[in-house]
Amino acid sequence: MDCIFCKIIEGTLPSKKVYETEQVVAFHDIQPKAPVHIVIIPKKHIPTMNDLQKEDYALLGDIHEAAQHIAKDLGVEQSGYRLVNNCNKDSGQIVFHIHYHLLGGEPLGDIVGSR
């Protein structure tokens, strides 16, 4: 499989990890869009949110639990942070392995620009 996130999970690509469990890994984004920009992924390869199966739903809870820990550890728990999942091309998904972006460290403004 030629998935950059799977390669990070298996250790063949380097990353600056901030959190890891049996099910989830999180690391600094290599092109940060905010002072705090962490990518949180399940270790199971699932291409998009649309590909989740009922047996995968617990992974979403694991990802949200990771986000809480990371936000606290990186000091944005109280000031605020955004947790974003992009699904498919029009949303901006580039890597087709389900993932969330945790962004914070400054006021982030509107989620999308005005038309």
N, C-alpha and C. Protein backbone atom coordinates (compact mmCIF):
# COMPACT_ATOMS: atom_id res chain seq x y z
N MET A 1 0.85 -1.18 0.00
CA MET A 1 0.00 0.00 0.00
C MET A 1 0.90 1.24 0.00
N ASP A 2 0.51 2.22 -0.75
CA ASP A 2 1.32 3.43 -0.87
C ASP A 2 0.68 4.59 -0.10
N CYS A 3 0.42 4.38 1.18
CA CYS A 3 -0.22 5.39 2.03
C CYS A 3 0.83 6.00 2.95
N ILE A 4 1.00 7.30 2.86
CA ILE A 4 2.00 8.00 3.68
C ILE A 4 1.74 7.80 5.17
N PHE A 5 0.48 7.80 5.59
CA PHE A 5 0.18 7.63 7.00
C PHE A 5 0.46 6.19 7.46
N CYS A 6 0.20 5.21 6.60
CA CYS A 6 0.54 3.82 6.95
C CYS A 6 2.05 3.68 7.11
N LYS A 7 2.80 4.39 6.29
CA LYS A 7 4.27 4.34 6.40
C LYS A 7 4.74 4.99 7.70
N ILE A 8 4.06 6.04 8.15
CA ILE A 8 4.39 6.65 9.44
C ILE A 8 4.08 5.65 10.57
N ILE A 9 2.93 4.98 10.47
CA ILE A 9 2.54 4.00 11.49
C ILE A 9 3.57 2.87 11.58
N GLU A 10 4.02 2.37 10.42
CA GLU A 10 4.97 1.25 10.44
C GLU A 10 6.41 1.69 10.71
N GLY A 11 6.65 3.00 10.72
CA GLY A 11 7.96 3.53 11.07
C GLY A 11 8.93 3.69 9.91
N THR A 12 8.45 3.51 8.68
CA THR A 12 9.33 3.68 7.52
C THR A 12 9.44 5.14 7.08
N LEU A 13 8.54 5.98 7.56
CA LEU A 13 8.65 7.44 7.38
C LEU A 13 8.72 8.08 8.76
N PRO A 14 9.58 9.07 8.93
CA PRO A 14 9.70 9.71 10.25
C PRO A 14 8.52 10.64 10.52
N SER A 15 8.26 10.85 11.79
CA SER A 15 7.26 11.83 12.23
C SER A 15 7.63 12.28 13.64
N LYS A 16 7.09 13.40 14.01
CA LYS A 16 7.30 13.92 15.36
C LYS A 16 6.03 13.61 16.16
N LYS A 17 6.00 12.41 16.75
CA LYS A 17 4.81 11.94 17.45
C LYS A 17 4.59 12.69 18.75
N VAL A 18 3.31 12.91 19.06
CA VAL A 18 2.94 13.53 20.33
C VAL A 18 2.05 12.63 21.17
N TYR A 19 1.54 11.55 20.55
CA TYR A 19 0.60 10.67 21.25
C TYR A 19 0.53 9.35 20.50
N GLU A 20 0.44 8.25 21.27
CA GLU A 20 0.28 6.95 20.62
C GLU A 20 -0.34 5.96 21.58
N THR A 21 -1.31 5.21 21.06
CA THR A 21 -1.91 4.08 21.77
C THR A 21 -1.91 2.89 20.82
N GLU A 22 -2.54 1.81 21.22
CA GLU A 22 -2.66 0.64 20.35
C GLU A 22 -3.45 0.95 19.09
N GLN A 23 -4.39 1.88 19.18
CA GLN A 23 -5.31 2.15 18.09
C GLN A 23 -5.03 3.43 17.30
N VAL A 24 -4.36 4.40 17.94
CA VAL A 24 -4.27 5.76 17.39
C VAL A 24 -2.84 6.27 17.51
N VAL A 25 -2.45 7.08 16.54
CA VAL A 25 -1.18 7.79 16.62
C VAL A 25 -1.42 9.24 16.20
N ALA A 26 -0.68 10.16 16.80
CA ALA A 26 -0.80 11.58 16.47
C ALA A 26 0.59 12.18 16.35
N PHE A 27 0.72 13.11 15.40
CA PHE A 27 2.03 13.70 15.12
C PHE A 27 1.85 15.10 14.57
N HIS A 28 2.93 15.88 14.62
CA HIS A 28 2.92 17.24 14.09
C HIS A 28 2.76 17.21 12.57
N ASP A 29 1.90 18.08 12.05
CA ASP A 29 1.73 18.21 10.60
C ASP A 29 2.99 18.83 10.01
N ILE A 30 3.42 18.34 8.85
CA ILE A 30 4.66 18.86 8.25
C ILE A 30 4.44 20.20 7.56
N GLN A 31 3.18 20.60 7.35
CA GLN A 31 2.86 21.92 6.79
C GLN A 31 1.82 22.57 7.68
N PRO A 32 2.22 23.00 8.88
CA PRO A 32 1.24 23.50 9.85
C PRO A 32 0.49 24.74 9.38
N LYS A 33 -0.81 24.75 9.69
CA LYS A 33 -1.69 25.87 9.36
C LYS A 33 -2.01 26.71 10.59
N ALA A 34 -1.46 26.35 11.73
CA ALA A 34 -1.66 27.06 13.00
C ALA A 34 -0.45 26.74 13.89
N PRO A 35 -0.24 27.54 14.95
CA PRO A 35 0.88 27.25 15.85
C PRO A 35 0.85 25.82 16.41
N VAL A 36 -0.34 25.32 16.67
CA VAL A 36 -0.51 23.92 17.05
C VAL A 36 -1.27 23.26 15.91
N HIS A 37 -0.65 22.30 15.26
CA HIS A 37 -1.30 21.57 14.16
C HIS A 37 -0.84 20.12 14.22
N ILE A 38 -1.74 19.28 14.74
CA ILE A 38 -1.46 17.87 14.96
C ILE A 38 -2.41 17.05 14.09
N VAL A 39 -1.88 15.98 13.50
CA VAL A 39 -2.68 15.04 12.73
C VAL A 39 -2.91 13.81 13.61
N ILE A 40 -4.18 13.40 13.73
CA ILE A 40 -4.55 12.25 14.55
C ILE A 40 -5.14 11.19 13.63
N ILE A 41 -4.57 9.98 13.66
CA ILE A 41 -5.02 8.94 12.75
C ILE A 41 -5.23 7.61 13.49
N PRO A 42 -6.18 6.81 12.99
CA PRO A 42 -6.25 5.44 13.50
C PRO A 42 -5.14 4.62 12.84
N LYS A 43 -4.66 3.61 13.52
CA LYS A 43 -3.64 2.75 12.93
C LYS A 43 -4.23 1.84 11.85
N LYS A 44 -5.52 1.63 11.89
CA LYS A 44 -6.20 0.86 10.85
C LYS A 44 -6.39 1.75 9.62
N HIS A 45 -6.03 1.26 8.46
CA HIS A 45 -6.20 2.03 7.23
C HIS A 45 -7.68 2.04 6.83
N ILE A 46 -8.26 3.22 6.85
CA ILE A 46 -9.63 3.45 6.39
C ILE A 46 -9.53 4.68 5.49
N PRO A 47 -9.84 4.58 4.20
CA PRO A 47 -9.59 5.70 3.28
C PRO A 47 -10.34 7.00 3.62
N THR A 48 -11.64 6.94 3.88
CA THR A 48 -12.41 8.16 4.15
C THR A 48 -13.45 7.88 5.24
N MET A 49 -14.07 8.94 5.72
CA MET A 49 -15.15 8.81 6.69
C MET A 49 -16.26 7.92 6.13
N ASN A 50 -16.49 7.98 4.83
CA ASN A 50 -17.54 7.17 4.20
C ASN A 50 -17.23 5.68 4.24
N ASP A 51 -15.98 5.32 4.45
CA ASP A 51 -15.58 3.92 4.46
C ASP A 51 -15.62 3.29 5.85
N LEU A 52 -15.95 4.08 6.87
CA LEU A 52 -16.07 3.51 8.22
C LEU A 52 -17.16 2.46 8.25
N GLN A 53 -16.90 1.37 8.92
CA GLN A 53 -17.89 0.32 9.15
C GLN A 53 -18.32 0.39 10.61
N LYS A 54 -19.43 -0.22 10.92
CA LYS A 54 -19.95 -0.19 12.28
C LYS A 54 -18.88 -0.60 13.30
N GLU A 55 -18.07 -1.61 12.95
CA GLU A 55 -17.05 -2.07 13.89
C GLU A 55 -15.91 -1.06 14.07
N ASP A 56 -15.87 -0.02 13.23
CA ASP A 56 -14.84 1.01 13.33
C ASP A 56 -15.27 2.21 14.17
N TYR A 57 -16.53 2.28 14.54
CA TYR A 57 -17.04 3.47 15.24
C TYR A 57 -16.29 3.77 16.53
N ALA A 58 -15.83 2.74 17.23
CA ALA A 58 -15.09 2.97 18.47
C ALA A 58 -13.80 3.74 18.21
N LEU A 59 -13.23 3.60 17.01
CA LEU A 59 -12.02 4.35 16.66
C LEU A 59 -12.25 5.86 16.73
N LEU A 60 -13.46 6.28 16.37
CA LEU A 60 -13.77 7.72 16.45
C LEU A 60 -13.70 8.20 17.89
N GLY A 61 -14.17 7.39 18.81
CA GLY A 61 -14.05 7.73 20.23
C GLY A 61 -12.60 7.78 20.67
N ASP A 62 -11.80 6.84 20.17
CA ASP A 62 -10.37 6.83 20.48
C ASP A 62 -9.68 8.09 19.96
N ILE A 63 -10.07 8.52 18.77
CA ILE A 63 -9.50 9.74 18.18
C ILE A 63 -9.89 10.96 19.01
N HIS A 64 -11.13 11.02 19.45
CA HIS A 64 -11.57 12.16 20.26
C HIS A 64 -10.92 12.15 21.63
N GLU A 65 -10.72 10.98 22.19
CA GLU A 65 -9.99 10.89 23.46
C GLU A 65 -8.56 11.38 23.27
N ALA A 66 -7.93 10.99 22.16
CA ALA A 66 -6.57 11.47 21.87
C ALA A 66 -6.56 12.99 21.76
N ALA A 67 -7.55 13.55 21.08
CA ALA A 67 -7.62 15.01 20.91
C ALA A 67 -7.67 15.71 22.27
N GLN A 68 -8.46 15.18 23.20
CA GLN A 68 -8.54 15.78 24.54
C GLN A 68 -7.17 15.78 25.22
N HIS A 69 -6.50 14.65 25.18
CA HIS A 69 -5.18 14.53 25.81
C HIS A 69 -4.17 15.48 25.16
N ILE A 70 -4.17 15.51 23.84
CA ILE A 70 -3.21 16.34 23.11
C ILE A 70 -3.46 17.82 23.38
N ALA A 71 -4.73 18.23 23.34
CA ALA A 71 -5.05 19.63 23.60
C ALA A 71 -4.57 20.05 24.99
N LYS A 72 -4.76 19.18 25.97
CA LYS A 72 -4.30 19.49 27.32
C LYS A 72 -2.77 19.55 27.36
N ASP A 73 -2.12 18.53 26.78
CA ASP A 73 -0.65 18.47 26.80
C ASP A 73 0.00 19.65 26.08
N LEU A 74 -0.64 20.15 25.02
CA LEU A 74 -0.06 21.24 24.23
C LEU A 74 -0.59 22.62 24.64
N GLY A 75 -1.39 22.66 25.70
CA GLY A 75 -1.79 23.94 26.28
C GLY A 75 -2.89 24.69 25.55
N VAL A 76 -3.72 23.98 24.76
CA VAL A 76 -4.81 24.67 24.07
C VAL A 76 -6.18 24.21 24.55
N GLU A 77 -6.18 23.39 25.58
CA GLU A 77 -7.44 22.86 26.12
C GLU A 77 -8.41 23.98 26.52
N GLN A 78 -7.91 25.00 27.20
CA GLN A 78 -8.79 26.08 27.68
C GLN A 78 -8.96 27.21 26.67
N SER A 79 -7.91 27.55 25.93
CA SER A 79 -8.02 28.65 24.97
C SER A 79 -8.85 28.25 23.75
N GLY A 80 -8.82 26.99 23.39
CA GLY A 80 -9.66 26.47 22.33
C GLY A 80 -8.86 25.86 21.19
N TYR A 81 -9.50 24.94 20.53
CA TYR A 81 -8.90 24.26 19.39
C TYR A 81 -10.00 23.79 18.46
N ARG A 82 -9.61 23.46 17.25
CA ARG A 82 -10.53 22.96 16.24
C ARG A 82 -10.11 21.54 15.88
N LEU A 83 -11.09 20.66 15.72
CA LEU A 83 -10.86 19.29 15.29
C LEU A 83 -11.58 19.11 13.97
N VAL A 84 -10.81 18.83 12.90
CA VAL A 84 -11.36 18.81 11.54
C VAL A 84 -11.09 17.49 10.85
N ASN A 85 -12.12 16.97 10.19
CA ASN A 85 -11.97 15.81 9.31
C ASN A 85 -12.46 16.21 7.92
N ASN A 86 -11.63 15.99 6.91
CA ASN A 86 -12.01 16.24 5.53
C ASN A 86 -12.34 14.90 4.88
N CYS A 87 -13.43 14.87 4.12
CA CYS A 87 -13.85 13.63 3.48
C CYS A 87 -13.98 13.84 1.97
N ASN A 88 -13.05 13.25 1.25
CA ASN A 88 -12.99 13.26 -0.21
C ASN A 88 -12.44 14.57 -0.78
N LYS A 89 -12.27 14.58 -2.07
CA LYS A 89 -11.52 15.63 -2.76
C LYS A 89 -12.06 17.04 -2.55
N ASP A 90 -13.37 17.25 -2.70
CA ASP A 90 -13.91 18.61 -2.59
C ASP A 90 -13.75 19.22 -1.20
N SER A 91 -13.55 18.38 -0.19
CA SER A 91 -13.35 18.90 1.17
C SER A 91 -11.90 19.29 1.41
N GLY A 92 -11.02 18.83 0.51
CA GLY A 92 -9.61 19.10 0.69
C GLY A 92 -8.82 17.90 1.18
N GLN A 93 -9.44 16.72 1.24
CA GLN A 93 -8.69 15.53 1.67
C GLN A 93 -7.63 15.21 0.63
N ILE A 94 -6.39 15.11 1.09
CA ILE A 94 -5.26 14.82 0.21
C ILE A 94 -4.74 13.40 0.46
N VAL A 95 -4.63 13.03 1.74
CA VAL A 95 -4.19 11.68 2.10
C VAL A 95 -5.44 10.86 2.39
N PHE A 96 -5.61 9.77 1.65
CA PHE A 96 -6.80 8.96 1.80
C PHE A 96 -6.59 7.83 2.82
N HIS A 97 -6.43 8.30 4.05
CA HIS A 97 -6.39 7.49 5.28
C HIS A 97 -7.08 8.41 6.28
N ILE A 98 -8.23 7.99 6.79
CA ILE A 98 -9.02 8.87 7.65
C ILE A 98 -8.12 9.53 8.70
N HIS A 99 -8.30 10.83 8.89
CA HIS A 99 -7.50 11.56 9.86
C HIS A 99 -8.21 12.83 10.28
N TYR A 100 -7.79 13.33 11.42
CA TYR A 100 -8.31 14.59 11.96
C TYR A 100 -7.14 15.54 12.16
N HIS A 101 -7.41 16.81 11.96
CA HIS A 101 -6.44 17.86 12.24
C HIS A 101 -6.88 18.54 13.53
N LEU A 102 -5.98 18.63 14.50
CA LEU A 102 -6.21 19.41 15.70
C LEU A 102 -5.42 20.70 15.52
N LEU A 103 -6.15 21.82 15.49
CA LEU A 103 -5.54 23.14 15.24
C LEU A 103 -5.82 24.06 16.42
N GLY A 104 -4.83 24.84 16.81
CA GLY A 104 -5.02 25.80 17.89
C GLY A 104 -3.79 26.65 18.08
N GLY A 105 -3.77 27.35 19.20
CA GLY A 105 -2.62 28.18 19.52
C GLY A 105 -2.78 29.63 19.12
N GLU A 106 -3.90 29.97 18.47
CA GLU A 106 -4.23 31.34 18.08
C GLU A 106 -5.70 31.38 17.73
N PRO A 107 -6.33 32.57 17.70
CA PRO A 107 -7.71 32.64 17.23
C PRO A 107 -7.77 32.15 15.78
N LEU A 108 -8.69 31.21 15.50
CA LEU A 108 -8.71 30.58 14.18
C LEU A 108 -9.71 31.20 13.20
N GLY A 109 -10.64 31.99 13.68
CA GLY A 109 -11.57 32.63 12.77
C GLY A 109 -12.60 31.66 12.23
N ASP A 110 -13.27 32.08 11.16
CA ASP A 110 -14.33 31.28 10.56
C ASP A 110 -13.79 29.96 10.00
N ILE A 111 -14.64 28.96 9.97
CA ILE A 111 -14.23 27.66 9.44
C ILE A 111 -14.01 27.74 7.94
N VAL A 112 -14.91 28.39 7.23
CA VAL A 112 -14.74 28.58 5.79
C VAL A 112 -14.94 30.06 5.46
N GLY A 113 -14.34 30.50 4.37
CA GLY A 113 -14.48 31.89 3.96
C GLY A 113 -15.86 32.18 3.40
N SER A 114 -16.19 33.44 3.32
CA SER A 114 -17.47 33.81 2.74
C SER A 114 -17.39 33.72 1.22
N ARG A 115 -18.50 33.51 0.58
CA ARG A 115 -18.52 33.35 -0.88
C ARG A 115 -18.52 34.68 -1.58
